[in-house]
């Protein structure tokens, strides 16, 4: 006895790989062409971790929207791409968690002006503008793409009239610190060594400063910056901190590795901060 063949039922269509996945795969193949070595494996691992971090950021966005969920900037609309580093920690509000209390102190001090040097896409410039309605934020960056994103983020959050976006800061520009109580927020990938020099910009001694120090690329930089301001400022070093307690409930179903990657800011090494307040 024979039976008629059962007709096949088409299953749900499976989407092809995303542009992000394809780009990650191409770069992984390129890296794999190098001779086997621990440095090559480290580059491949870092590349895969970045890919997974971006996937997780997209998942967070789909679940919760492009809104910062926690931290001092909770409620900020954040639809732009990060100019540098992971987007997921910013969306979650766990980005640079060790600074959260300092940021609240800055907000409470109600500076009339803030100079954000190396503003990137505007996470801090716009976040502070939202929390400090009486403050003018001067957001400066050498990267025109970052400046464009910062301007868009400011408009998106209704603070474009108080976030003045501009290019690179010179020693002459720092004279503004003498005009009114000022916070200088600085993250410029090692260029802080040359820029934050009171011998060339004396008005810096009248400001409070929160500076990310790229010590790994310039050994001794922490000591040099501390020495420049020690006579006039109270100087506190702030090291990195993770806040897994701020991860949302939906992440409980993820692997430990994915939860860690949601907190990862893509840093290759330590970047301590100096919080320097006038005495």
C-alpha atoms as a PDB file:
ATOM      1  CA  UNK A   1       0.000   0.000   0.000  1.00  0.00           C
ATOM      2  CA  UNK A   2       1.311   3.384  -0.913  1.00  0.00           C
ATOM      3  CA  UNK A   3       0.450   6.729   0.579  1.00  0.00           C
ATOM      4  CA  UNK A   4       0.358  10.067  -1.096  1.00  0.00           C
ATOM      5  CA  UNK A   5       3.127  12.439  -0.090  1.00  0.00           C
ATOM      6  CA  UNK A   6       2.182  14.989   2.520  1.00  0.00           C
ATOM      7  CA  UNK A   7       2.459  18.484   1.062  1.00  0.00           C
ATOM      8  CA  UNK A   8       5.024  20.647   2.783  1.00  0.00           C
ATOM      9  CA  UNK A   9       3.789  23.597   4.774  1.00  0.00           C
ATOM     10  CA  UNK A  10       5.926  26.676   4.411  1.00  0.00           C
ATOM     11  CA  UNK A  11       7.294  27.796   7.767  1.00  0.00           C
ATOM     12  CA  UNK A  12       7.768  31.338   8.918  1.00  0.00           C
ATOM     13  CA  UNK A  13      10.321  33.238   6.950  1.00  0.00           C
ATOM     14  CA  UNK A  14      13.627  33.695   8.709  1.00  0.00           C
ATOM     15  CA  UNK A  15      15.160  37.124   8.167  1.00  0.00           C
ATOM     16  CA  UNK A  16      18.675  37.226   6.835  1.00  0.00           C
ATOM     17  CA  UNK A  17      21.560  38.602   8.830  1.00  0.00           C
ATOM     18  CA  UNK A  18      21.367  42.293   9.668  1.00  0.00           C
ATOM     19  CA  UNK A  19      23.754  44.898   8.302  1.00  0.00           C
ATOM     20  CA  UNK A  20      25.335  45.037  11.758  1.00  0.00           C
ATOM     21  CA  UNK A  21      25.965  41.280  11.760  1.00  0.00           C
ATOM     22  CA  UNK A  22      27.336  41.305   8.225  1.00  0.00           C
ATOM     23  CA  UNK A  23      29.721  44.131   9.037  1.00  0.00           C
ATOM     24  CA  UNK A  24      30.855  42.339  12.195  1.00  0.00           C
ATOM     25  CA  UNK A  25      31.449  39.138  10.246  1.00  0.00           C
ATOM     26  CA  UNK A  26      33.533  40.912   7.605  1.00  0.00           C
ATOM     27  CA  UNK A  27      35.743  42.493  10.233  1.00  0.00           C
ATOM     28  CA  UNK A  28      36.100  39.185  12.065  1.00  0.00           C
ATOM     29  CA  UNK A  29      37.263  37.501   8.845  1.00  0.00           C
ATOM     30  CA  UNK A  30      39.769  40.293   8.302  1.00  0.00           C
ATOM     31  CA  UNK A  31      41.150  39.917  11.813  1.00  0.00           C
ATOM     32  CA  UNK A  32      41.363  36.135  11.411  1.00  0.00           C
ATOM     33  CA  UNK A  33      43.749  36.563   8.483  1.00  0.00           C
ATOM     34  CA  UNK A  34      46.533  37.578  10.859  1.00  0.00           C
ATOM     35  CA  UNK A  35      48.818  34.858  12.261  1.00  0.00           C
ATOM     36  CA  UNK A  36      47.437  33.179  15.401  1.00  0.00           C
ATOM     37  CA  UNK A  37      48.517  34.979  18.553  1.00  0.00           C
ATOM     38  CA  UNK A  38      47.075  36.164  21.880  1.00  0.00           C
ATOM     39  CA  UNK A  39      46.855  39.795  20.583  1.00  0.00           C
ATOM     40  CA  UNK A  40      44.878  38.637  17.543  1.00  0.00           C
ATOM     41  CA  UNK A  41      42.495  36.662  19.754  1.00  0.00           C
ATOM     42  CA  UNK A  42      42.114  39.675  22.029  1.00  0.00           C
ATOM     43  CA  UNK A  43      41.192  41.882  19.043  1.00  0.00           C
ATOM     44  CA  UNK A  44      38.678  39.282  17.863  1.00  0.00           C
ATOM     45  CA  UNK A  45      37.177  38.961  21.344  1.00  0.00           C
ATOM     46  CA  UNK A  46      36.840  42.722  21.691  1.00  0.00           C
ATOM     47  CA  UNK A  47      35.251  42.953  18.246  1.00  0.00           C
ATOM     48  CA  UNK A  48      32.705  40.239  19.042  1.00  0.00           C
ATOM     49  CA  UNK A  49      31.960  41.844  22.394  1.00  0.00           C
ATOM     50  CA  UNK A  50      31.233  45.164  20.662  1.00  0.00           C
ATOM     51  CA  UNK A  51      28.925  43.427  18.199  1.00  0.00           C
ATOM     52  CA  UNK A  52      27.023  41.722  20.995  1.00  0.00           C
ATOM     53  CA  UNK A  53      26.871  44.967  22.969  1.00  0.00           C
ATOM     54  CA  UNK A  54      25.247  46.704  19.995  1.00  0.00           C
ATOM     55  CA  UNK A  55      22.755  43.867  19.586  1.00  0.00           C
ATOM     56  CA  UNK A  56      21.839  44.179  23.260  1.00  0.00           C
ATOM     57  CA  UNK A  57      21.500  47.970  22.953  1.00  0.00           C
ATOM     58  CA  UNK A  58      19.086  47.455  20.059  1.00  0.00           C
ATOM     59  CA  UNK A  59      17.127  44.974  22.162  1.00  0.00           C
ATOM     60  CA  UNK A  60      16.975  47.464  25.032  1.00  0.00           C
ATOM     61  CA  UNK A  61      15.720  50.129  22.627  1.00  0.00           C
ATOM     62  CA  UNK A  62      12.989  47.859  21.259  1.00  0.00           C
ATOM     63  CA  UNK A  63      11.829  46.922  24.749  1.00  0.00           C
ATOM     64  CA  UNK A  64      12.026  50.243  26.556  1.00  0.00           C
ATOM     65  CA  UNK A  65      12.306  52.857  23.816  1.00  0.00           C
ATOM     66  CA  UNK A  66      15.142  55.312  23.323  1.00  0.00           C
ATOM     67  CA  UNK A  67      14.781  56.710  26.839  1.00  0.00           C
ATOM     68  CA  UNK A  68      17.451  56.703  29.551  1.00  0.00           C
ATOM     69  CA  UNK A  69      16.057  54.435  32.253  1.00  0.00           C
ATOM     70  CA  UNK A  70      17.986  55.266  35.427  1.00  0.00           C
ATOM     71  CA  UNK A  71      20.725  57.434  36.906  1.00  0.00           C
ATOM     72  CA  UNK A  72      20.883  61.241  37.007  1.00  0.00           C
ATOM     73  CA  UNK A  73      19.577  61.591  33.439  1.00  0.00           C
ATOM     74  CA  UNK A  74      16.604  59.212  33.709  1.00  0.00           C
ATOM     75  CA  UNK A  75      13.861  60.220  31.304  1.00  0.00           C
ATOM     76  CA  UNK A  76      16.166  61.827  28.733  1.00  0.00           C
ATOM     77  CA  UNK A  77      15.345  60.960  25.141  1.00  0.00           C
ATOM     78  CA  UNK A  78      18.417  59.339  23.583  1.00  0.00           C
ATOM     79  CA  UNK A  79      17.783  58.318  19.993  1.00  0.00           C
ATOM     80  CA  UNK A  80      21.226  59.214  18.612  1.00  0.00           C
ATOM     81  CA  UNK A  81      24.137  56.799  18.317  1.00  0.00           C
ATOM     82  CA  UNK A  82      26.916  57.220  20.852  1.00  0.00           C
ATOM     83  CA  UNK A  83      29.935  58.953  19.362  1.00  0.00           C
ATOM     84  CA  UNK A  84      32.300  56.693  21.284  1.00  0.00           C
ATOM     85  CA  UNK A  85      31.758  53.708  23.547  1.00  0.00           C
ATOM     86  CA  UNK A  86      28.757  51.536  24.269  1.00  0.00           C
ATOM     87  CA  UNK A  87      25.217  52.802  23.766  1.00  0.00           C
ATOM     88  CA  UNK A  88      23.592  50.231  26.060  1.00  0.00           C
ATOM     89  CA  UNK A  89      24.998  51.663  29.329  1.00  0.00           C
ATOM     90  CA  UNK A  90      23.778  55.125  28.356  1.00  0.00           C
ATOM     91  CA  UNK A  91      20.262  53.880  27.596  1.00  0.00           C
ATOM     92  CA  UNK A  92      20.197  51.955  30.857  1.00  0.00           C
ATOM     93  CA  UNK A  93      21.529  54.926  32.813  1.00  0.00           C
ATOM     94  CA  UNK A  94      24.475  52.978  34.218  1.00  0.00           C
ATOM     95  CA  UNK A  95      27.068  54.842  32.155  1.00  0.00           C
ATOM     96  CA  UNK A  96      30.029  55.992  34.275  1.00  0.00           C
ATOM     97  CA  UNK A  97      28.120  55.002  37.389  1.00  0.00           C
ATOM     98  CA  UNK A  98      30.927  56.133  39.683  1.00  0.00           C
ATOM     99  CA  UNK A  99      30.109  59.734  38.697  1.00  0.00           C
ATOM    100  CA  UNK A 100      26.420  59.605  39.573  1.00  0.00           C
ATOM    101  CA  UNK A 101      26.823  61.221  42.993  1.00  0.00           C
ATOM    102  CA  UNK A 102      29.187  63.862  41.605  1.00  0.00           C
ATOM    103  CA  UNK A 103      26.654  64.693  38.892  1.00  0.00           C
ATOM    104  CA  UNK A 104      23.987  65.196  41.552  1.00  0.00           C
ATOM    105  CA  UNK A 105      26.387  67.493  43.414  1.00  0.00           C
ATOM    106  CA  UNK A 106      27.001  69.474  40.222  1.00  0.00           C
ATOM    107  CA  UNK A 107      23.257  69.839  39.678  1.00  0.00           C
ATOM    108  CA  UNK A 108      22.758  70.992  43.266  1.00  0.00           C
ATOM    109  CA  UNK A 109      25.506  73.628  42.888  1.00  0.00           C
ATOM    110  CA  UNK A 110      23.520  75.207  40.031  1.00  0.00           C
ATOM    111  CA  UNK A 111      26.460  76.551  38.036  1.00  0.00           C
ATOM    112  CA  UNK A 112      25.293  79.271  35.640  1.00  0.00           C
ATOM    113  CA  UNK A 113      27.595  77.879  32.946  1.00  0.00           C
ATOM    114  CA  UNK A 114      29.235  74.563  32.094  1.00  0.00           C
ATOM    115  CA  UNK A 115      31.979  74.026  29.535  1.00  0.00           C
ATOM    116  CA  UNK A 116      31.737  70.448  28.295  1.00  0.00           C
ATOM    117  CA  UNK A 117      35.003  69.785  26.450  1.00  0.00           C
ATOM    118  CA  UNK A 118      34.768  66.625  24.341  1.00  0.00           C
ATOM    119  CA  UNK A 119      30.984  66.588  24.512  1.00  0.00           C
ATOM    120  CA  UNK A 120      30.660  63.695  22.012  1.00  0.00           C
ATOM    121  CA  UNK A 121      26.991  63.114  21.169  1.00  0.00           C
ATOM    122  CA  UNK A 122      25.831  65.184  24.148  1.00  0.00           C
ATOM    123  CA  UNK A 123      24.963  62.642  26.842  1.00  0.00           C
ATOM    124  CA  UNK A 124      26.267  64.951  29.576  1.00  0.00           C
ATOM    125  CA  UNK A 125      25.631  68.303  27.887  1.00  0.00           C
ATOM    126  CA  UNK A 126      21.969  67.556  27.223  1.00  0.00           C
ATOM    127  CA  UNK A 127      21.457  65.556  30.415  1.00  0.00           C
ATOM    128  CA  UNK A 128      22.755  68.437  32.531  1.00  0.00           C
ATOM    129  CA  UNK A 129      20.766  71.001  30.545  1.00  0.00           C
ATOM    130  CA  UNK A 130      17.577  69.059  31.338  1.00  0.00           C
ATOM    131  CA  UNK A 131      18.377  68.977  35.059  1.00  0.00           C
ATOM    132  CA  UNK A 132      19.749  72.539  35.312  1.00  0.00           C
ATOM    133  CA  UNK A 133      17.247  74.932  33.706  1.00  0.00           C
ATOM    134  CA  UNK A 134      19.245  78.020  34.725  1.00  0.00           C
ATOM    135  CA  UNK A 135      22.508  76.819  33.188  1.00  0.00           C
ATOM    136  CA  UNK A 136      24.071  77.558  29.797  1.00  0.00           C
ATOM    137  CA  UNK A 137      25.991  74.564  28.457  1.00  0.00           C
ATOM    138  CA  UNK A 138      28.890  75.167  26.073  1.00  0.00           C
ATOM    139  CA  UNK A 139      29.291  71.794  24.319  1.00  0.00           C
ATOM    140  CA  UNK A 140      32.536  71.548  22.359  1.00  0.00           C
ATOM    141  CA  UNK A 141      34.036  68.756  20.279  1.00  0.00           C
ATOM    142  CA  UNK A 142      36.575  68.430  17.472  1.00  0.00           C
ATOM    143  CA  UNK A 143      34.421  65.847  15.640  1.00  0.00           C
ATOM    144  CA  UNK A 144      31.754  67.384  13.356  1.00  0.00           C
ATOM    145  CA  UNK A 145      29.679  64.173  13.439  1.00  0.00           C
ATOM    146  CA  UNK A 146      29.617  64.299  17.234  1.00  0.00           C
ATOM    147  CA  UNK A 147      28.653  67.982  17.164  1.00  0.00           C
ATOM    148  CA  UNK A 148      25.762  67.250  14.815  1.00  0.00           C
ATOM    149  CA  UNK A 149      24.497  64.470  17.074  1.00  0.00           C
ATOM    150  CA  UNK A 150      24.789  66.709  20.127  1.00  0.00           C
ATOM    151  CA  UNK A 151      22.743  69.421  18.433  1.00  0.00           C
ATOM    152  CA  UNK A 152      20.091  66.890  17.411  1.00  0.00           C
ATOM    153  CA  UNK A 153      19.946  65.428  20.922  1.00  0.00           C
ATOM    154  CA  UNK A 154      19.545  68.904  22.413  1.00  0.00           C
ATOM    155  CA  UNK A 155      16.674  69.680  20.023  1.00  0.00           C
ATOM    156  CA  UNK A 156      15.087  66.311  20.739  1.00  0.00           C
ATOM    157  CA  UNK A 157      15.039  67.123  24.454  1.00  0.00           C
ATOM    158  CA  UNK A 158      13.889  70.728  24.116  1.00  0.00           C
ATOM    159  CA  UNK A 159      17.095  72.343  25.386  1.00  0.00           C
ATOM    160  CA  UNK A 160      18.687  73.515  22.126  1.00  0.00           C
ATOM    161  CA  UNK A 161      18.488  77.146  23.282  1.00  0.00           C
ATOM    162  CA  UNK A 162      20.824  76.371  26.213  1.00  0.00           C
ATOM    163  CA  UNK A 163      23.254  73.914  24.594  1.00  0.00           C
ATOM    164  CA  UNK A 164      25.676  75.914  22.462  1.00  0.00           C
ATOM    165  CA  UNK A 165      27.574  73.455  20.276  1.00  0.00           C
ATOM    166  CA  UNK A 166      30.984  74.427  18.974  1.00  0.00           C
ATOM    167  CA  UNK A 167      34.414  73.144  17.867  1.00  0.00           C
ATOM    168  CA  UNK A 168      37.741  72.646  19.626  1.00  0.00           C
ATOM    169  CA  UNK A 169      38.552  74.618  22.784  1.00  0.00           C
ATOM    170  CA  UNK A 170      41.693  76.767  22.971  1.00  0.00           C
ATOM    171  CA  UNK A 171      43.469  78.241  25.986  1.00  0.00           C
ATOM    172  CA  UNK A 172      41.919  81.592  25.078  1.00  0.00           C
ATOM    173  CA  UNK A 173      38.420  80.100  25.238  1.00  0.00           C
ATOM    174  CA  UNK A 174      39.024  79.072  28.857  1.00  0.00           C
ATOM    175  CA  UNK A 175      38.970  82.744  29.886  1.00  0.00           C
ATOM    176  CA  UNK A 176      35.191  82.314  30.141  1.00  0.00           C
ATOM    177  CA  UNK A 177      35.795  80.581  33.489  1.00  0.00           C
ATOM    178  CA  UNK A 178      36.475  84.020  35.009  1.00  0.00           C
ATOM    179  CA  UNK A 179      33.115  85.422  33.919  1.00  0.00           C
ATOM    180  CA  UNK A 180      30.848  83.353  36.201  1.00  0.00           C
ATOM    181  CA  UNK A 181      30.978  80.266  38.440  1.00  0.00           C
ATOM    182  CA  UNK A 182      31.867  77.521  35.982  1.00  0.00           C
ATOM    183  CA  UNK A 183      32.124  73.754  35.825  1.00  0.00           C
ATOM    184  CA  UNK A 184      34.613  72.400  33.300  1.00  0.00           C
ATOM    185  CA  UNK A 185      33.725  68.849  32.263  1.00  0.00           C
ATOM    186  CA  UNK A 186      36.563  67.398  30.206  1.00  0.00           C
ATOM    187  CA  UNK A 187      36.967  64.109  28.308  1.00  0.00           C
ATOM    188  CA  UNK A 188      39.407  64.580  25.427  1.00  0.00           C
ATOM    189  CA  UNK A 189      41.376  61.337  25.126  1.00  0.00           C
ATOM    190  CA  UNK A 190      44.657  62.549  26.633  1.00  0.00           C
ATOM    191  CA  UNK A 191      44.657  66.108  25.282  1.00  0.00           C
ATOM    192  CA  UNK A 192      43.725  67.268  28.787  1.00  0.00           C
ATOM    193  CA  UNK A 193      47.468  67.302  29.559  1.00  0.00           C
ATOM    194  CA  UNK A 194      48.127  70.213  27.197  1.00  0.00           C
ATOM    195  CA  UNK A 195      44.803  72.030  27.564  1.00  0.00           C
ATOM    196  CA  UNK A 196      44.231  72.072  31.325  1.00  0.00           C
ATOM    197  CA  UNK A 197      47.302  74.088  32.193  1.00  0.00           C
ATOM    198  CA  UNK A 198      46.692  77.089  34.499  1.00  0.00           C
ATOM    199  CA  UNK A 199      50.027  78.552  33.442  1.00  0.00           C
ATOM    200  CA  UNK A 200      48.524  79.019  29.950  1.00  0.00           C
ATOM    201  CA  UNK A 201      44.880  79.486  31.014  1.00  0.00           C
ATOM    202  CA  UNK A 202      44.862  81.117  34.481  1.00  0.00           C
ATOM    203  CA  UNK A 203      41.055  81.367  34.590  1.00  0.00           C
ATOM    204  CA  UNK A 204      40.924  77.585  35.090  1.00  0.00           C
ATOM    205  CA  UNK A 205      41.886  78.194  38.719  1.00  0.00           C
ATOM    206  CA  UNK A 206      38.500  79.900  39.203  1.00  0.00           C
ATOM    207  CA  UNK A 207      36.506  76.900  37.948  1.00  0.00           C
ATOM    208  CA  UNK A 208      35.553  73.518  39.315  1.00  0.00           C
ATOM    209  CA  UNK A 209      36.726  70.669  37.086  1.00  0.00           C
ATOM    210  CA  UNK A 210      35.617  67.097  36.439  1.00  0.00           C
ATOM    211  CA  UNK A 211      38.255  65.514  34.194  1.00  0.00           C
ATOM    212  CA  UNK A 212      38.604  62.026  32.752  1.00  0.00           C
ATOM    213  CA  UNK A 213      42.319  61.261  32.897  1.00  0.00           C
ATOM    214  CA  UNK A 214      43.819  58.999  30.227  1.00  0.00           C
ATOM    215  CA  UNK A 215      46.692  57.838  32.367  1.00  0.00           C
ATOM    216  CA  UNK A 216      47.271  54.636  30.396  1.00  0.00           C
ATOM    217  CA  UNK A 217      48.365  56.624  27.357  1.00  0.00           C
ATOM    218  CA  UNK A 218      50.354  59.195  29.316  1.00  0.00           C
ATOM    219  CA  UNK A 219      51.830  57.757  32.536  1.00  0.00           C
ATOM    220  CA  UNK A 220      52.154  60.407  35.216  1.00  0.00           C
ATOM    221  CA  UNK A 221      49.231  62.488  33.926  1.00  0.00           C
ATOM    222  CA  UNK A 222      47.197  61.991  37.098  1.00  0.00           C
ATOM    223  CA  UNK A 223      50.047  63.337  39.181  1.00  0.00           C
ATOM    224  CA  UNK A 224      50.676  66.277  36.846  1.00  0.00           C
ATOM    225  CA  UNK A 225      47.060  67.412  36.802  1.00  0.00           C
ATOM    226  CA  UNK A 226      46.728  66.974  40.552  1.00  0.00           C
ATOM    227  CA  UNK A 227      49.853  69.064  41.153  1.00  0.00           C
ATOM    228  CA  UNK A 228      48.589  71.886  38.918  1.00  0.00           C
ATOM    229  CA  UNK A 229      45.424  72.345  40.987  1.00  0.00           C
ATOM    230  CA  UNK A 230      46.390  71.080  44.445  1.00  0.00           C
ATOM    231  CA  UNK A 231      47.070  74.562  45.878  1.00  0.00           C
ATOM    232  CA  UNK A 232      43.663  75.964  44.889  1.00  0.00           C
ATOM    233  CA  UNK A 233      41.374  72.932  44.711  1.00  0.00           C
ATOM    234  CA  UNK A 234      40.269  69.927  46.708  1.00  0.00           C
ATOM    235  CA  UNK A 235      41.198  67.010  44.428  1.00  0.00           C
ATOM    236  CA  UNK A 236      39.412  63.633  44.561  1.00  0.00           C
ATOM    237  CA  UNK A 237      40.218  60.636  42.374  1.00  0.00           C
ATOM    238  CA  UNK A 238      37.204  58.603  41.212  1.00  0.00           C
ATOM    239  CA  UNK A 239      37.676  55.112  39.782  1.00  0.00           C
ATOM    240  CA  UNK A 240      35.281  53.001  37.721  1.00  0.00           C
ATOM    241  CA  UNK A 241      32.277  51.258  39.212  1.00  0.00           C
ATOM    242  CA  UNK A 242      29.605  48.921  37.839  1.00  0.00           C
ATOM    243  CA  UNK A 243      25.925  49.082  38.842  1.00  0.00           C
ATOM    244  CA  UNK A 244      24.325  45.702  38.015  1.00  0.00           C
ATOM    245  CA  UNK A 245      21.567  46.632  40.485  1.00  0.00           C
ATOM    246  CA  UNK A 246      20.273  49.120  37.892  1.00  0.00           C
ATOM    247  CA  UNK A 247      19.758  46.476  35.196  1.00  0.00           C
ATOM    248  CA  UNK A 248      16.054  46.207  34.295  1.00  0.00           C
ATOM    249  CA  UNK A 249      13.963  43.151  35.119  1.00  0.00           C
ATOM    250  CA  UNK A 250      13.931  41.833  31.550  1.00  0.00           C
ATOM    251  CA  UNK A 251      17.680  41.163  31.723  1.00  0.00           C
ATOM    252  CA  UNK A 252      17.165  38.447  34.358  1.00  0.00           C
ATOM    253  CA  UNK A 253      16.568  36.037  31.478  1.00  0.00           C
ATOM    254  CA  UNK A 254      19.949  36.801  29.898  1.00  0.00           C
ATOM    255  CA  UNK A 255      23.236  35.020  30.369  1.00  0.00           C
ATOM    256  CA  UNK A 256      25.752  36.435  32.821  1.00  0.00           C
ATOM    257  CA  UNK A 257      27.917  37.450  29.855  1.00  0.00           C
ATOM    258  CA  UNK A 258      25.106  39.436  28.214  1.00  0.00           C
ATOM    259  CA  UNK A 259      24.330  41.195  31.498  1.00  0.00           C
ATOM    260  CA  UNK A 260      27.982  42.126  31.815  1.00  0.00           C
ATOM    261  CA  UNK A 261      28.089  43.403  28.230  1.00  0.00           C
ATOM    262  CA  UNK A 262      25.100  45.666  28.930  1.00  0.00           C
ATOM    263  CA  UNK A 263      27.262  47.385  31.561  1.00  0.00           C
ATOM    264  CA  UNK A 264      30.437  47.457  29.451  1.00  0.00           C
ATOM    265  CA  UNK A 265      31.467  50.897  28.172  1.00  0.00           C
ATOM    266  CA  UNK A 266      34.018  49.557  25.622  1.00  0.00           C
ATOM    267  CA  UNK A 267      37.001  50.878  27.566  1.00  0.00           C
ATOM    268  CA  UNK A 268      40.323  49.197  26.863  1.00  0.00           C
ATOM    269  CA  UNK A 269      41.833  50.285  30.184  1.00  0.00           C
ATOM    270  CA  UNK A 270      41.279  52.374  33.309  1.00  0.00           C
ATOM    271  CA  UNK A 271      40.282  56.015  32.877  1.00  0.00           C
ATOM    272  CA  UNK A 272      40.006  57.504  36.370  1.00  0.00           C
ATOM    273  CA  UNK A 273      38.401  60.887  36.936  1.00  0.00           C
ATOM    274  CA  UNK A 274      39.624  63.853  38.943  1.00  0.00           C
ATOM    275  CA  UNK A 275      36.946  65.903  40.700  1.00  0.00           C
ATOM    276  CA  UNK A 276      38.596  69.216  41.530  1.00  0.00           C
ATOM    277  CA  UNK A 277      36.660  71.789  43.535  1.00  0.00           C
ATOM    278  CA  UNK A 278      37.863  75.267  44.406  1.00  0.00           C
ATOM    279  CA  UNK A 279      38.706  75.675  48.080  1.00  0.00           C
END
